[in-house]
Amino acid sequence: MSDKLYEELVKITTKNTDNIFLLNTESTPENHTHEIRTLNPSHIIIVDAVEFDAKPGEMLVIHKEQIDTFNVSTHSMPISFIISYIEETIGSKIITIGIQPKEMNLVNKISKEVRCSVEELTDMLVELV
């Protein structure tokens, strides 16, 4: 998703996007906490594969209190730990958006349904900038 979003943000010439940073942390977001602390963002949007018994590609905003009730991707550390750490050490406001995968596995293959949702979410985020 970050590649597609980056491509779309680069095309924007009417707004200043210098304060927007994209990190593709893949399956180890905990390895990027130093980078996040250095950037000191006011807001973070986490987009991840989340199993919530919906049609592939459906999206859901997940509240911090709910995150442990979902199967969130294939991370080695629960994403709720990382969210709590970032909120406590940096104070960033964090929004988590889950996209229902077609299947949950370690292969970096994205289904057509999820790809369409990523494109839709990319368009929404670009509009918000």
C-alpha atoms as a PDB file:
ATOM      1  CA  MET A   1       0.000   0.000   0.000  1.00  0.00           C
ATOM      2  CA  SER A   2       2.748   2.447   0.855  1.00  0.00           C
ATOM      3  CA  ASP A   3       4.123   2.365  -2.709  1.00  0.00           C
ATOM      4  CA  LYS A   4       0.741   3.214  -4.215  1.00  0.00           C
ATOM      5  CA  LEU A   5       0.080   5.907  -1.615  1.00  0.00           C
ATOM      6  CA  TYR A   6       3.539   7.401  -2.148  1.00  0.00           C
ATOM      7  CA  GLU A   7       2.950   7.566  -5.912  1.00  0.00           C
ATOM      8  CA  GLU A   8      -0.340   9.389  -5.372  1.00  0.00           C
ATOM      9  CA  LEU A   9       1.088  11.830  -2.805  1.00  0.00           C
ATOM     10  CA  VAL A  10       3.959  12.737  -5.142  1.00  0.00           C
ATOM     11  CA  LYS A  11       1.414  13.765  -7.786  1.00  0.00           C
ATOM     12  CA  ILE A  12      -0.131  16.356  -5.443  1.00  0.00           C
ATOM     13  CA  THR A  13       1.268  19.759  -6.302  1.00  0.00           C
ATOM     14  CA  THR A  14      -1.372  21.965  -4.696  1.00  0.00           C
ATOM     15  CA  LYS A  15      -0.621  20.934  -1.088  1.00  0.00           C
ATOM     16  CA  ASN A  16       2.482  20.596   1.052  1.00  0.00           C
ATOM     17  CA  THR A  17       3.082  16.920   1.788  1.00  0.00           C
ATOM     18  CA  ASP A  18       6.526  17.389   3.362  1.00  0.00           C
ATOM     19  CA  ASN A  19       5.217  16.424   6.785  1.00  0.00           C
ATOM     20  CA  ILE A  20       3.778  13.078   5.647  1.00  0.00           C
ATOM     21  CA  PHE A  21       5.949   9.996   6.066  1.00  0.00           C
ATOM     22  CA  LEU A  22       5.185   6.462   4.933  1.00  0.00           C
ATOM     23  CA  LEU A  23       6.679   3.403   6.588  1.00  0.00           C
ATOM     24  CA  ASN A  24       6.193  -0.088   5.257  1.00  0.00           C
ATOM     25  CA  THR A  25       6.944  -2.090   8.384  1.00  0.00           C
ATOM     26  CA  GLU A  26       5.739  -5.375   6.890  1.00  0.00           C
ATOM     27  CA  SER A  27       5.502  -8.060   9.597  1.00  0.00           C
ATOM     28  CA  THR A  28       7.841  -6.381  12.113  1.00  0.00           C
ATOM     29  CA  PRO A  29       6.553  -2.917  13.056  1.00  0.00           C
ATOM     30  CA  GLU A  30       8.401  -3.220  16.383  1.00  0.00           C
ATOM     31  CA  ASN A  31      11.669  -2.909  14.432  1.00  0.00           C
ATOM     32  CA  HIS A  32      10.664   0.617  13.359  1.00  0.00           C
ATOM     33  CA  THR A  33       9.887   2.208  16.728  1.00  0.00           C
ATOM     34  CA  HIS A  34      13.183   4.129  16.740  1.00  0.00           C
ATOM     35  CA  GLU A  35      12.384   5.585  13.326  1.00  0.00           C
ATOM     36  CA  ILE A  36       8.884   6.497  14.514  1.00  0.00           C
ATOM     37  CA  ARG A  37      10.282   8.159  17.649  1.00  0.00           C
ATOM     38  CA  THR A  38      12.717  10.143  15.479  1.00  0.00           C
ATOM     39  CA  LEU A  39       9.905  11.352  13.204  1.00  0.00           C
ATOM     40  CA  ASN A  40       7.785  12.211  16.277  1.00  0.00           C
ATOM     41  CA  PRO A  41       4.490  12.172  14.357  1.00  0.00           C
ATOM     42  CA  SER A  42       1.341  13.753  15.734  1.00  0.00           C
ATOM     43  CA  HIS A  43      -0.792  11.127  13.996  1.00  0.00           C
ATOM     44  CA  ILE A  44      -0.214   7.592  12.746  1.00  0.00           C
ATOM     45  CA  ILE A  45      -2.469   5.521  10.516  1.00  0.00           C
ATOM     46  CA  ILE A  46      -1.794   1.797  10.694  1.00  0.00           C
ATOM     47  CA  VAL A  47      -3.170  -0.269   7.821  1.00  0.00           C
ATOM     48  CA  ASP A  48      -2.975  -4.019   8.236  1.00  0.00           C
ATOM     49  CA  ALA A  49      -4.550  -7.308   7.300  1.00  0.00           C
ATOM     50  CA  VAL A  50      -7.121  -8.165   9.967  1.00  0.00           C
ATOM     51  CA  GLU A  51      -9.311 -11.245  10.186  1.00  0.00           C
ATOM     52  CA  PHE A  52     -12.824 -10.125  11.164  1.00  0.00           C
ATOM     53  CA  ASP A  53     -15.035 -12.641   9.328  1.00  0.00           C
ATOM     54  CA  ALA A  54     -16.022 -10.316   6.513  1.00  0.00           C
ATOM     55  CA  LYS A  55     -15.774 -10.440   2.729  1.00  0.00           C
ATOM     56  CA  PRO A  56     -12.212 -10.126   1.412  1.00  0.00           C
ATOM     57  CA  GLY A  57     -11.328  -6.471   0.978  1.00  0.00           C
ATOM     58  CA  GLU A  58     -13.798  -5.087   3.517  1.00  0.00           C
ATOM     59  CA  MET A  59     -12.312  -2.401   5.751  1.00  0.00           C
ATOM     60  CA  LEU A  60     -12.869  -1.648   9.421  1.00  0.00           C
ATOM     61  CA  VAL A  61     -11.605   1.072  11.751  1.00  0.00           C
ATOM     62  CA  ILE A  62     -10.459  -0.757  14.872  1.00  0.00           C
ATOM     63  CA  HIS A  63     -10.454   1.028  18.195  1.00  0.00           C
ATOM     64  CA  LYS A  64      -7.475   0.489  20.489  1.00  0.00           C
ATOM     65  CA  GLU A  65      -9.627  -1.322  23.044  1.00  0.00           C
ATOM     66  CA  GLN A  66     -10.812  -3.800  20.410  1.00  0.00           C
ATOM     67  CA  ILE A  67      -7.535  -4.633  18.718  1.00  0.00           C
ATOM     68  CA  ASP A  68      -6.713  -7.700  20.801  1.00  0.00           C
ATOM     69  CA  THR A  69     -10.044  -9.287  19.843  1.00  0.00           C
ATOM     70  CA  PHE A  70      -8.983  -9.536  16.196  1.00  0.00           C
ATOM     71  CA  ASN A  71      -6.402 -11.674  14.431  1.00  0.00           C
ATOM     72  CA  VAL A  72      -4.130  -8.898  13.180  1.00  0.00           C
ATOM     73  CA  SER A  73      -1.817 -10.022  10.411  1.00  0.00           C
ATOM     74  CA  THR A  74       1.216 -12.187  11.123  1.00  0.00           C
ATOM     75  CA  HIS A  75       3.269  -9.961  13.411  1.00  0.00           C
ATOM     76  CA  SER A  76       5.767 -11.435  15.829  1.00  0.00           C
ATOM     77  CA  MET A  77       4.582  -8.999  18.529  1.00  0.00           C
ATOM     78  CA  PRO A  78       0.935  -8.025  19.175  1.00  0.00           C
ATOM     79  CA  ILE A  79       0.141  -4.746  17.461  1.00  0.00           C
ATOM     80  CA  SER A  80      -1.606  -3.558  20.649  1.00  0.00           C
ATOM     81  CA  PHE A  81       1.776  -3.523  22.450  1.00  0.00           C
ATOM     82  CA  ILE A  82       3.292  -1.361  19.739  1.00  0.00           C
ATOM     83  CA  ILE A  83       0.311   1.023  19.746  1.00  0.00           C
ATOM     84  CA  SER A  84       0.497   1.401  23.537  1.00  0.00           C
ATOM     85  CA  TYR A  85       4.267   1.951  23.397  1.00  0.00           C
ATOM     86  CA  ILE A  86       3.980   4.654  20.731  1.00  0.00           C
ATOM     87  CA  GLU A  87       1.128   6.418  22.511  1.00  0.00           C
ATOM     88  CA  GLU A  88       2.998   6.403  25.830  1.00  0.00           C
ATOM     89  CA  THR A  89       6.453   7.390  24.531  1.00  0.00           C
ATOM     90  CA  ILE A  90       5.558   9.746  21.684  1.00  0.00           C
ATOM     91  CA  GLY A  91       1.960  10.729  22.309  1.00  0.00           C
ATOM     92  CA  SER A  92       0.881  10.121  18.718  1.00  0.00           C
ATOM     93  CA  LYS A  93      -2.802   9.684  17.965  1.00  0.00           C
ATOM     94  CA  ILE A  94      -3.175   6.316  16.251  1.00  0.00           C
ATOM     95  CA  ILE A  95      -5.907   5.026  13.964  1.00  0.00           C
ATOM     96  CA  THR A  96      -5.870   1.382  12.916  1.00  0.00           C
ATOM     97  CA  ILE A  97      -7.609   0.338   9.707  1.00  0.00           C
ATOM     98  CA  GLY A  98      -8.035  -3.366   9.105  1.00  0.00           C
ATOM     99  CA  ILE A  99      -8.578  -4.903   5.698  1.00  0.00           C
ATOM    100  CA  GLN A 100     -10.067  -8.394   5.595  1.00  0.00           C
ATOM    101  CA  PRO A 101      -7.635 -10.574   3.611  1.00  0.00           C
ATOM    102  CA  LYS A 102      -8.779 -13.342   1.306  1.00  0.00           C
ATOM    103  CA  GLU A 103      -6.496 -15.628   3.266  1.00  0.00           C
ATOM    104  CA  MET A 104      -4.164 -15.023   6.176  1.00  0.00           C
ATOM    105  CA  ASN A 105      -0.677 -16.362   5.509  1.00  0.00           C
ATOM    106  CA  LEU A 106       2.931 -15.255   5.289  1.00  0.00           C
ATOM    107  CA  VAL A 107       2.963 -14.955   1.502  1.00  0.00           C
ATOM    108  CA  ASN A 108       3.142 -11.372   0.243  1.00  0.00           C
ATOM    109  CA  LYS A 109       0.479 -12.022  -2.360  1.00  0.00           C
ATOM    110  CA  ILE A 110      -2.433  -9.570  -2.313  1.00  0.00           C
ATOM    111  CA  SER A 111      -5.799 -10.716  -3.629  1.00  0.00           C
ATOM    112  CA  LYS A 112      -7.743  -8.720  -6.195  1.00  0.00           C
ATOM    113  CA  GLU A 113     -10.347  -7.795  -3.549  1.00  0.00           C
ATOM    114  CA  VAL A 114      -7.739  -6.456  -1.139  1.00  0.00           C
ATOM    115  CA  ARG A 115      -5.931  -4.607  -3.928  1.00  0.00           C
ATOM    116  CA  CYS A 116      -9.196  -2.806  -4.801  1.00  0.00           C
ATOM    117  CA  SER A 117      -9.659  -1.836  -1.135  1.00  0.00           C
ATOM    118  CA  VAL A 118      -6.077  -0.570  -0.947  1.00  0.00           C
ATOM    119  CA  GLU A 119      -6.717   1.622  -3.983  1.00  0.00           C
ATOM    120  CA  GLU A 120      -9.953   2.936  -2.443  1.00  0.00           C
ATOM    121  CA  LEU A 121      -8.234   3.636   0.888  1.00  0.00           C
ATOM    122  CA  THR A 122      -5.340   5.322  -0.917  1.00  0.00           C
ATOM    123  CA  ASP A 123      -7.800   7.646  -2.679  1.00  0.00           C
ATOM    124  CA  MET A 124      -9.478   8.483   0.653  1.00  0.00           C
ATOM    125  CA  LEU A 125      -6.167   9.247   2.364  1.00  0.00           C
ATOM    126  CA  VAL A 126      -4.980  11.434  -0.506  1.00  0.00           C
ATOM    127  CA  GLU A 127      -8.254  13.389  -0.278  1.00  0.00           C
ATOM    128  CA  LEU A 128      -7.666  13.946   3.453  1.00  0.00           C
ATOM    129  CA  VAL A 129      -4.242  15.464   2.813  1.00  0.00           C
END
